Protein backbone atom coordinates (compact mmCIF):
# COMPACT_ATOMS: atom_id res chain seq x y z
CA UNK A 1 -3.46 -13.30 -6.67
CA UNK A 2 -1.67 -10.93 -8.64
CA UNK A 3 -4.79 -9.14 -10.64
CA UNK A 4 -4.93 -5.40 -9.33
CA UNK A 5 -7.60 -3.64 -7.56
CA UNK A 6 -7.32 -1.15 -10.29
CA UNK A 7 -8.35 -3.68 -12.98
CA UNK A 8 -11.11 -4.84 -10.84
CA UNK A 9 -12.64 -1.29 -10.20
CA UNK A 10 -12.01 -0.19 -13.99
CA UNK A 11 -12.72 -3.75 -14.94
CA UNK A 12 -5.61 -27.20 6.84
CA UNK A 13 -2.00 -26.93 5.56
CA UNK A 14 0.94 -27.35 7.74
CA UNK A 15 0.40 -25.81 11.33
CA UNK A 16 2.52 -22.33 11.72
CA UNK A 17 4.73 -23.49 14.29
CA UNK A 18 6.47 -26.17 11.66
CA UNK A 19 6.08 -23.48 8.80
CA UNK A 20 8.04 -21.17 10.90
CA UNK A 21 10.50 -24.16 11.89
CA UNK A 22 11.10 -24.74 8.04
CA UNK A 23 10.79 -21.14 7.07
CA UNK A 24 15.03 -20.46 7.12
CA UNK A 25 15.58 -23.69 5.08
CA UNK A 26 12.57 -22.91 2.56
CA UNK A 27 14.08 -19.72 1.97
CA UNK A 28 17.71 -20.73 1.63
CA UNK A 29 16.41 -23.41 -1.31
CA UNK A 30 14.91 -21.02 -3.11
CA UNK A 31 17.64 -18.40 -3.24
CA UNK A 32 20.18 -21.09 -4.22
CA UNK A 33 17.87 -22.36 -7.14
CA UNK A 34 16.76 -19.04 -8.60
CA UNK A 35 18.01 -15.77 -6.56
CA UNK A 36 21.52 -16.49 -7.29
CA UNK A 37 22.79 -14.76 -4.46
CA UNK A 38 26.10 -16.09 -3.19
CA UNK A 39 25.89 -18.82 0.11
CA UNK A 40 27.20 -16.36 2.57
CA UNK A 41 24.50 -13.48 1.58
CA UNK A 42 21.86 -16.06 1.95
CA UNK A 43 23.28 -17.20 5.17
CA UNK A 44 23.70 -13.49 6.48
CA UNK A 45 19.97 -12.89 5.47
CA UNK A 46 18.47 -15.71 7.06
CA UNK A 47 20.47 -14.91 10.25
CA UNK A 48 19.22 -11.23 10.37
CA UNK A 49 15.75 -11.97 9.73
CA UNK A 50 15.88 -14.28 12.98
CA UNK A 51 16.54 -11.28 14.95
CA UNK A 52 15.68 -8.21 13.19
CA UNK A 53 11.78 -6.64 13.26
CA UNK A 54 10.33 -6.36 9.71
CA UNK A 55 7.19 -4.69 8.50
CA UNK A 56 5.52 -4.33 5.17
CA UNK A 57 3.30 -0.96 5.37
CA UNK A 58 0.89 -1.84 2.74
CA UNK A 59 -1.11 -4.99 2.45
CA UNK A 60 -4.66 -4.85 1.03
CA UNK A 61 -7.48 -7.08 2.57
CA UNK A 62 -9.18 -9.10 -0.44
CA UNK A 63 -13.03 -9.04 0.31
CA UNK A 64 -13.08 -12.59 -0.49
CA UNK A 65 -10.25 -13.32 2.31
CA UNK A 66 -10.91 -16.39 4.45
CA UNK A 67 -12.38 -18.22 2.06
CA UNK A 68 -11.32 -21.59 0.23
CA UNK A 69 -7.74 -21.04 -1.00
CA UNK A 70 -7.52 -17.73 0.94
CA UNK A 71 -7.30 -18.91 4.53
CA UNK A 72 -5.25 -16.79 6.91
CA UNK A 73 -3.57 -19.94 8.04
CA UNK A 74 -2.51 -21.61 5.40
CA UNK A 75 -0.02 -21.16 2.51
CA UNK A 76 -2.86 -20.50 -0.31
CA UNK A 77 -3.01 -18.94 -3.25
CA UNK A 78 -2.94 -15.15 -2.29
CA UNK A 79 0.29 -12.93 -1.41
CA UNK A 80 -0.35 -12.62 2.03
CA UNK A 81 -1.13 -15.38 4.59
CA UNK A 82 0.24 -16.06 8.14
CA UNK A 83 2.03 -19.14 7.25
CA UNK A 84 3.89 -17.23 4.54
CA UNK A 85 4.62 -14.45 6.73
CA UNK A 86 6.36 -17.08 9.32
CA UNK A 87 8.11 -18.61 6.13
CA UNK A 88 9.47 -15.08 5.28
CA UNK A 89 9.86 -14.11 8.82
CA UNK A 90 8.15 -10.99 8.32
CA UNK A 91 6.98 -9.46 12.27
CA UNK A 92 4.11 -7.32 10.98
CA UNK A 93 2.37 -5.40 8.27
CA UNK A 94 -0.21 -2.86 7.41
CA UNK A 95 -3.69 -4.76 6.49
CA UNK A 96 -5.36 -1.99 4.77
CA UNK A 97 -9.24 -1.21 5.25
CA UNK A 98 -10.63 0.00 1.45
CA UNK A 99 -13.52 1.22 -0.06
CA UNK A 100 -14.18 2.46 -3.47
CA UNK A 101 -17.12 2.92 -5.77
CA UNK A 102 -17.64 -0.31 -7.35
CA UNK A 103 -18.65 0.56 -10.83
CA UNK A 104 -18.63 -2.76 -12.42
CA UNK A 105 -20.99 -4.10 -10.13
CA UNK A 106 -24.65 -5.09 -11.48
CA UNK A 107 -26.09 -5.41 -14.80
CA UNK A 108 -25.10 -2.85 -17.60
CA UNK A 109 -21.73 -2.12 -16.00
CA UNK A 110 -19.72 -0.17 -15.81
CA UNK A 111 -21.64 2.49 -13.91
CA UNK A 112 -20.74 6.13 -12.93
CA UNK A 113 -21.02 6.76 -9.53
CA UNK A 114 -24.12 7.97 -7.56
CA UNK A 115 -24.42 8.69 -4.10
CA UNK A 116 -25.21 5.47 -3.14
CA UNK A 117 -22.02 4.39 -3.94
CA UNK A 118 -20.93 5.73 -0.54
CA UNK A 119 -22.99 3.20 1.41
CA UNK A 120 -21.39 -0.07 -0.59
CA UNK A 121 -18.05 1.52 0.12
CA UNK A 122 -18.74 1.64 3.45
CA UNK A 123 -19.84 -1.88 3.50
CA UNK A 124 -16.48 -2.93 1.84
CA UNK A 125 -14.58 -1.17 5.09
CA UNK A 126 -16.98 -3.00 7.26
CA UNK A 127 -16.34 -6.25 5.51
CA UNK A 128 -12.46 -5.95 5.59
CA UNK A 129 -12.46 -4.90 9.20
CA UNK A 130 -14.26 -8.08 10.54
CA UNK A 131 -12.21 -10.08 8.24
CA UNK A 132 -9.06 -8.49 10.30
CA UNK A 133 -11.08 -8.82 13.64
CA UNK A 134 -11.61 -12.54 12.72
CA UNK A 135 -8.04 -13.16 11.91
CA UNK A 136 -7.16 -12.03 15.55
CA UNK A 137 -10.14 -13.96 17.24
CA UNK A 138 -9.57 -17.15 15.32
CA UNK A 139 -5.43 -17.34 15.70
CA UNK A 140 -4.87 -15.85 18.85
CA UNK A 141 -1.69 -17.42 19.73
CA UNK A 142 -0.43 -16.30 16.22
CA UNK A 143 -1.53 -12.60 15.83
CA UNK A 144 -2.53 -9.67 17.49
CA UNK A 145 -3.16 -5.93 16.70
CA UNK A 146 -0.79 -3.46 17.22
CA UNK A 147 -1.85 -0.13 18.57
CA UNK A 148 1.28 1.22 19.60
CA UNK A 149 5.01 0.64 18.61
CA UNK A 150 5.34 -0.92 22.11
CA UNK A 151 2.39 -3.27 20.81
CA UNK A 152 4.39 -4.50 17.84
CA UNK A 153 7.35 -5.02 19.59
CA UNK A 154 5.58 -6.95 22.35
CA UNK A 155 3.79 -9.37 19.94
CA UNK A 156 7.22 -9.81 18.21
CA UNK A 157 8.68 -11.26 21.51
CA UNK A 158 5.77 -13.27 21.92
CA UNK A 159 5.97 -14.55 18.68
CA UNK A 160 3.09 -13.47 17.19
CA UNK A 161 2.49 -11.45 13.71
CA UNK A 162 1.53 -7.65 14.35
CA UNK A 163 -1.21 -6.22 12.30
CA UNK A 164 -1.20 -2.70 11.73
CA UNK A 165 -4.54 -1.25 10.88
CA UNK A 166 -4.51 1.22 8.13
CA UNK A 167 -7.12 3.18 5.84
CA UNK A 168 -6.85 3.96 2.28
CA UNK A 169 -9.33 6.33 0.64
CA UNK A 170 -11.60 9.04 1.72
CA UNK A 171 -14.13 8.25 -0.42
CA UNK A 172 -16.31 5.92 1.81
CA UNK A 173 -16.31 8.69 4.52
CA UNK A 174 -18.42 10.91 2.73
CA UNK A 175 -18.22 14.27 4.39
CA UNK A 176 -18.03 12.90 7.88
CA UNK A 177 -15.25 14.07 9.75
CA UNK A 178 -16.14 12.11 12.93
CA UNK A 179 -15.58 8.84 10.83
CA UNK A 180 -12.04 9.46 11.93
CA UNK A 181 -12.55 9.24 15.50
CA UNK A 182 -15.11 6.13 15.02
CA UNK A 183 -11.93 4.19 13.41
CA UNK A 184 -9.18 5.38 15.37
CA UNK A 185 -11.38 3.76 18.47
CA UNK A 186 -11.39 0.68 16.34
CA UNK A 187 -7.60 0.63 15.94
CA UNK A 188 -6.97 2.54 12.85
CA UNK A 189 -3.21 3.85 12.97
CA UNK A 190 -2.56 5.13 9.50
CA UNK A 191 -4.62 7.36 6.88
CA UNK A 192 -4.69 7.84 3.45
CA UNK A 193 -7.04 10.27 2.07
CA UNK A 194 -6.47 9.44 -1.45
CA UNK A 195 -7.07 6.80 -4.17
CA UNK A 196 -7.80 6.72 -8.16
CA UNK A 197 -10.26 9.47 -8.31
CA UNK A 198 -10.78 12.39 -6.20
CA UNK A 199 -13.08 12.54 -3.26
CA UNK A 200 -14.44 15.27 -0.86
CA UNK A 201 -11.14 15.40 0.89
CA UNK A 202 -8.52 15.91 -1.63
CA UNK A 203 -7.62 15.45 -4.85
CA UNK A 204 -5.87 12.56 -6.09
CA UNK A 205 -2.67 12.00 -8.45
CA UNK A 206 -5.03 10.17 -10.80
CA UNK A 207 -8.36 12.03 -11.28
CA UNK A 208 -10.79 9.73 -13.05
CA UNK A 209 -12.58 11.65 -16.25
CA UNK A 210 -15.18 8.79 -16.04
CA UNK A 211 -16.18 10.40 -12.81
CA UNK A 212 -15.88 13.60 -14.13
CA UNK A 213 -12.84 14.52 -11.95
CA UNK A 214 -10.89 17.70 -12.89
CA UNK A 215 -7.32 17.87 -12.08
CA UNK A 216 -6.45 19.78 -9.06
CA UNK A 217 -10.28 20.23 -8.79
CA UNK A 218 -9.71 21.67 -5.02
CA UNK A 219 -5.87 22.90 -5.68
CA UNK A 220 -4.81 20.47 -3.04
CA UNK A 221 -6.78 19.53 -0.06
CA UNK A 222 -10.71 20.72 0.44
CA UNK A 223 -11.63 22.75 3.54
CA UNK A 224 -12.65 19.42 4.81
CA UNK A 225 -9.15 17.75 4.30
CA UNK A 226 -7.50 20.44 5.94
CA UNK A 227 -9.46 19.96 8.91
CA UNK A 228 -8.62 16.22 8.96
CA UNK A 229 -4.96 16.86 9.25
CA UNK A 230 -5.39 18.31 12.55
CA UNK A 231 -7.71 15.94 13.75
CA UNK A 232 -5.26 13.01 12.59
CA UNK A 233 -2.51 14.90 14.42
CA UNK A 234 -4.59 14.88 17.67
CA UNK A 235 -5.53 11.41 17.78
CA UNK A 236 -2.10 10.24 16.96
CA UNK A 237 -2.84 8.53 13.44
CA UNK A 238 0.06 8.67 10.75
CA UNK A 239 -1.28 10.59 7.46
CA UNK A 240 -0.48 8.77 4.50
CA UNK A 241 0.06 10.78 1.40
CA UNK A 242 0.60 8.06 -0.92
CA UNK A 243 -1.86 8.95 -3.98
CA UNK A 244 -2.63 12.58 -3.26
CA UNK A 245 -1.84 15.07 -5.58
CA UNK A 246 1.42 17.03 -5.48
CA UNK A 247 -0.82 20.16 -3.90
CA UNK A 248 -2.53 17.96 -1.89
CA UNK A 249 0.98 16.73 -0.36
CA UNK A 250 2.15 19.97 -0.22
CA UNK A 251 -1.16 21.06 2.03
CA UNK A 252 -0.37 18.30 4.31
CA UNK A 253 3.02 19.63 4.71
CA UNK A 254 1.99 22.61 5.65
CA UNK A 255 -0.45 21.71 8.24
CA UNK A 256 0.63 18.61 9.81
CA UNK A 257 2.51 19.28 13.06
CA UNK A 258 3.81 15.73 13.12
CA UNK A 259 5.84 13.53 10.31
CA UNK A 260 3.84 12.05 7.72
CA UNK A 261 4.63 8.93 5.39
CA UNK A 262 4.00 7.72 1.71
CA UNK A 263 3.17 3.88 2.66
CA UNK A 264 3.27 2.52 -0.94
CA UNK A 265 4.96 4.91 -3.39
CA UNK A 266 8.23 5.20 -5.94
CA UNK A 267 10.47 7.65 -6.76
CA UNK A 268 9.22 9.73 -10.23
CA UNK A 269 12.46 9.71 -11.33
CA UNK A 270 12.35 5.97 -12.30
CA UNK A 271 8.84 6.34 -13.79
CA UNK A 272 7.31 9.94 -14.68
CA UNK A 273 4.01 9.63 -13.67
CA UNK A 274 1.73 11.77 -11.06
CA UNK A 275 1.48 8.62 -9.21
CA UNK A 276 5.34 8.63 -8.21
CA UNK A 277 7.01 11.07 -6.01
CA UNK A 278 8.98 13.93 -7.04
CA UNK A 279 12.26 14.89 -5.56
CA UNK A 280 10.39 18.02 -3.97
CA UNK A 281 7.78 15.67 -2.45
CA UNK A 282 10.24 13.19 -1.34
CA UNK A 283 12.08 16.14 0.35
CA UNK A 284 8.57 17.54 2.01
CA UNK A 285 8.53 14.00 3.27
CA UNK A 286 12.13 13.79 4.75
CA UNK A 287 11.35 17.44 6.19
CA UNK A 288 8.45 16.34 8.34
CA UNK A 289 10.84 13.74 9.78
CA UNK A 290 8.84 10.99 7.77
CA UNK A 291 9.30 8.16 5.70
CA UNK A 292 8.66 6.91 1.86
CA UNK A 293 8.12 3.20 2.14
CA UNK A 294 9.03 2.26 -1.54
CA UNK A 295 6.70 0.32 -3.35
CA UNK A 296 7.22 -2.98 -5.25
CA UNK A 297 4.78 -2.34 -8.23
CA UNK A 298 6.22 -2.73 -11.81
CA UNK A 299 5.03 -0.08 -13.56
CA UNK A 300 6.05 2.41 -10.94
CA UNK A 301 9.50 1.10 -11.06
CA UNK A 302 10.39 0.56 -14.90
CA UNK A 303 8.86 2.47 -17.83
CA UNK A 304 6.71 0.53 -20.13
CA UNK A 305 8.57 -1.68 -22.89
CA UNK A 306 7.93 -0.83 -26.46
CA UNK A 307 5.68 -3.72 -27.40
CA UNK A 308 3.51 -2.59 -24.56
CA UNK A 309 3.38 0.91 -25.93
CA UNK A 310 3.01 -0.09 -29.34
CA UNK A 311 -0.10 -2.04 -28.12
CA UNK A 312 -1.41 1.11 -26.17
CA UNK A 313 -1.06 3.41 -29.19
CA UNK A 314 -2.94 0.86 -31.18
CA UNK A 315 -5.68 0.77 -28.63
CA UNK A 316 -5.77 4.52 -28.53
CA UNK A 317 -6.26 4.91 -32.10
CA UNK A 318 -8.79 2.54 -32.40
CA UNK A 319 -10.74 4.96 -29.57
CA UNK A 320 -9.79 8.03 -31.54
CA UNK A 321 -7.28 9.24 -28.59
CA UNK A 322 -4.40 10.98 -29.47
CA UNK A 323 -1.01 9.36 -29.44
CA UNK A 324 0.53 9.34 -25.68
CA UNK A 325 2.11 12.08 -24.32
CA UNK A 326 4.12 10.55 -21.41
CA UNK A 327 3.08 7.72 -19.30
CA UNK A 328 0.26 9.22 -17.47
CA UNK A 329 -2.46 8.05 -19.43
CA UNK A 330 -0.49 4.75 -20.48
CA UNK A 331 -1.35 3.35 -17.14
CA UNK A 332 -4.95 4.44 -16.39
CA UNK A 333 -8.07 5.50 -18.65
CA UNK A 334 -7.24 9.46 -17.88
CA UNK A 335 -8.00 11.23 -21.21
CA UNK A 336 -10.42 14.43 -20.26
CA UNK A 337 -12.82 12.99 -23.22
CA UNK A 338 -13.46 10.16 -21.68
CA UNK A 339 -15.90 12.11 -19.24
CA UNK A 340 -18.56 12.28 -21.95
CA UNK A 341 -17.73 8.77 -23.17
CA UNK A 342 -21.00 6.49 -22.61
CA UNK A 343 -20.57 3.76 -20.02
CA UNK A 344 -19.80 0.92 -22.49
CA UNK A 345 -17.12 2.61 -24.49
CA UNK A 346 -15.41 3.36 -21.30
CA UNK A 347 -15.73 -0.19 -20.08
CA UNK A 348 -14.54 -1.60 -23.36
CA UNK A 349 -11.85 0.76 -23.32
CA UNK A 350 -10.47 0.59 -19.61
CA UNK A 351 -10.70 -3.27 -19.69
CA UNK A 352 -8.80 -3.49 -22.81
CA UNK A 353 -6.05 -1.12 -21.73
CA UNK A 354 -5.59 -2.78 -18.18
CA UNK A 355 -5.53 -6.20 -19.86
CA UNK A 356 -2.65 -4.85 -22.30
CA UNK A 357 -0.74 -3.09 -19.26
CA UNK A 358 -0.83 -6.78 -17.09
CA UNK A 359 0.88 -8.38 -19.94
CA UNK A 360 3.78 -6.20 -19.12
CA UNK A 361 6.65 -8.20 -18.01
CA UNK A 362 7.38 -7.87 -13.98
CA UNK A 363 9.93 -5.71 -12.61
CA UNK A 364 12.95 -7.69 -10.51
CA UNK A 365 14.58 -7.25 -7.36
CA UNK A 366 17.27 -5.40 -8.96
CA UNK A 367 14.63 -2.58 -10.15
CA UNK A 368 13.15 -2.30 -7.27
CA UNK A 369 16.13 -2.08 -5.00
CA UNK A 370 17.26 0.73 -7.54
CA UNK A 371 14.35 2.30 -6.28
CA UNK A 372 15.37 2.08 -2.55
CA UNK A 373 19.02 3.29 -3.84
CA UNK A 374 17.76 6.46 -5.08
CA UNK A 375 15.16 7.17 -2.11
CA UNK A 376 18.27 6.58 0.05
CA UNK A 377 20.43 8.93 -1.77
CA UNK A 378 17.76 11.61 -2.23
CA UNK A 379 16.42 11.34 1.36
CA UNK A 380 18.68 9.41 3.65
CA UNK A 381 18.65 6.11 5.29
CA UNK A 382 16.35 7.43 8.10
CA UNK A 383 13.64 8.37 5.79
CA UNK A 384 13.29 5.26 3.59
CA UNK A 385 11.27 1.89 4.29
CA UNK A 386 9.73 -1.16 2.59
CA UNK A 387 6.20 -1.63 0.98
CA UNK A 388 4.70 -4.38 -1.46
CA UNK A 389 1.45 -3.08 -2.50
CA UNK A 390 0.55 -6.98 -2.21
CA UNK A 391 -3.00 -8.35 -3.18
CA UNK A 392 -3.45 -5.10 -5.12
CA UNK A 393 -1.05 -5.78 -7.97
CA UNK A 394 2.19 -5.58 -6.25
CA UNK A 395 5.40 -7.90 -6.22
CA UNK A 396 8.36 -7.92 -8.31
CA UNK A 397 10.38 -11.41 -9.30
CA UNK A 398 11.93 -12.49 -6.52
CA UNK A 399 9.32 -10.58 -3.92
CA UNK A 400 6.08 -12.17 -5.17
CA UNK A 401 4.66 -12.76 -1.56
CA UNK A 402 5.52 -12.20 2.22
CA UNK A 403 7.49 -15.46 2.33
CA UNK A 404 9.96 -13.92 0.03
CA UNK A 405 11.05 -11.07 1.97
CA UNK A 406 14.46 -12.20 2.79
CA UNK A 407 14.93 -12.07 -1.21
CA UNK A 408 14.68 -8.14 -0.60
CA UNK A 409 17.34 -8.34 2.14
CA UNK A 410 19.77 -10.66 0.34
CA UNK A 411 19.63 -7.96 -2.57
CA UNK A 412 20.56 -5.01 -0.11
CA UNK A 413 23.53 -6.76 1.46
CA UNK A 414 24.85 -7.47 -1.80
CA UNK A 415 24.90 -3.77 -2.71
CA UNK A 416 26.58 -2.86 0.63
CA UNK A 417 24.06 -1.82 3.21
CA UNK A 418 24.71 -2.46 6.41
CA UNK A 419 22.75 -4.86 8.94
CA UNK A 420 21.94 -1.50 10.76
CA UNK A 421 20.73 0.53 7.86
CA UNK A 422 18.64 -2.80 6.70
CA UNK A 423 16.93 -3.07 9.88
CA UNK A 424 15.99 0.79 9.36
CA UNK A 425 14.52 -0.02 6.18
CA UNK A 426 12.41 -2.95 7.48
CA UNK A 427 10.67 -1.47 10.41
CA UNK A 428 13.15 0.82 12.25
CA UNK A 429 12.19 3.94 10.35
CA UNK A 430 8.56 3.22 10.35
CA UNK A 431 8.03 2.73 13.94
CA UNK A 432 10.39 5.71 15.10
CA UNK A 433 7.77 7.78 12.84
CA UNK A 434 4.63 6.06 14.35
CA UNK A 435 6.21 6.94 18.10
CA UNK A 436 6.55 10.30 16.95
CA UNK A 437 3.13 10.73 15.58
CA UNK A 438 1.65 9.41 18.80
CA UNK A 439 3.83 11.65 21.02
CA UNK A 440 2.72 14.94 19.16
CA UNK A 441 -1.04 13.98 19.64
CA UNK A 442 -3.38 15.85 21.78
CA UNK A 443 -3.52 14.07 25.06
CA UNK A 444 -7.61 14.84 25.34
CA UNK A 445 -7.83 13.66 21.81
CA UNK A 446 -5.90 10.29 22.67
CA UNK A 447 -7.93 9.77 26.29
CA UNK A 448 -11.25 10.29 24.32
CA UNK A 449 -10.59 7.59 21.24
CA UNK A 450 -8.35 5.29 23.41
CA UNK A 451 -8.13 1.96 21.36
CA UNK A 452 -10.28 -0.94 22.37
CA UNK A 453 -7.63 -3.45 22.36
CA UNK A 454 -9.78 -6.05 23.64
CA UNK A 455 -12.96 -5.45 21.87
CA UNK A 456 -13.25 -6.55 18.10
CA UNK A 457 -16.93 -5.91 16.85
């Protein structure tokens, strides 16, 4: 499934054991036919993934996951399932519990959010949590939840896929700080404050005029957000700064006593948009001891092509908007005047904009690893990792699902990365940071919020 959540929001197969047994051969065949990598590189990548831990730090759980065609144990239509993970030799992934104002629901959509939208967003969280719990319940011999880095390694040693539970967007939590304790008890180990649109905790890198957002409304984190940083540190939960405004990220850097990460971001040097990270922001992550998990998302890795920009300019002229000044409002309906538009006008414009952007040719492995190269150059090999943003628009040609992760490794090998460095990129750096965050926790808070590993409600 390649349709993005942004577009949506603004508009029995082979047994796993057999899939795993065939995984290396299947990957080898793909590379030789389509990837163009030398035989020696292909073999080295295959061999490396037989013993190396690998981790994707951002995979969205679709609300319909588990339905026909999207079963967890079958090689289906989606970008993530246990069968593809076995084929690619992916050791584990952060499955993201997400909630957002579903403004396209109901008749006469879109709708501007009301207080009742928070309840719906919390329901989305619950649905996704139950999906994750159901995967572990239904396939106990293939998968388990990792509550600690040691759990992750143990599950890998048992031949099981490790699920790391993350949360994205504080919006569904309203102003209730105690929700952090609740979700930590349920297994959450990473928390991202922001998505499209500001919330009560932090400014977003992509404020949404349709929600009546103002850029930098809080000037970074709100007082509630500042309290959340301390609480997350106490609980031993990783803070995820992806999608925050620059000032909010700077506030996290000022307040956090533990390393923090960007779970799915790219360098702004590649595409100059606020959603990407500036060199200064990348340095702040490094200075904390944290990691930038470079995301495989086309429009964050390469500028829009001339034909796409021409179509967008024509669309903007039709809606009486000024010509683009940079790419910020090319990728989302972000012009301030949209705050006063009728809902139907916004819906027509947003749908048209995303339809045009969806036609943009995908980036490839070259552009993706260019982004990794840049991050490594600026931050050092110990502060960079890998993420896909699968099931929410992520994926580049050659890395379109979790079964194709070895293509990334092959590209890294061709650029001269050592096996030791590749192991750091794929999981080593993230696991190190995770361990450091847990060591920096308040022991009393940890004791009171110990994850209930055997309980899946």
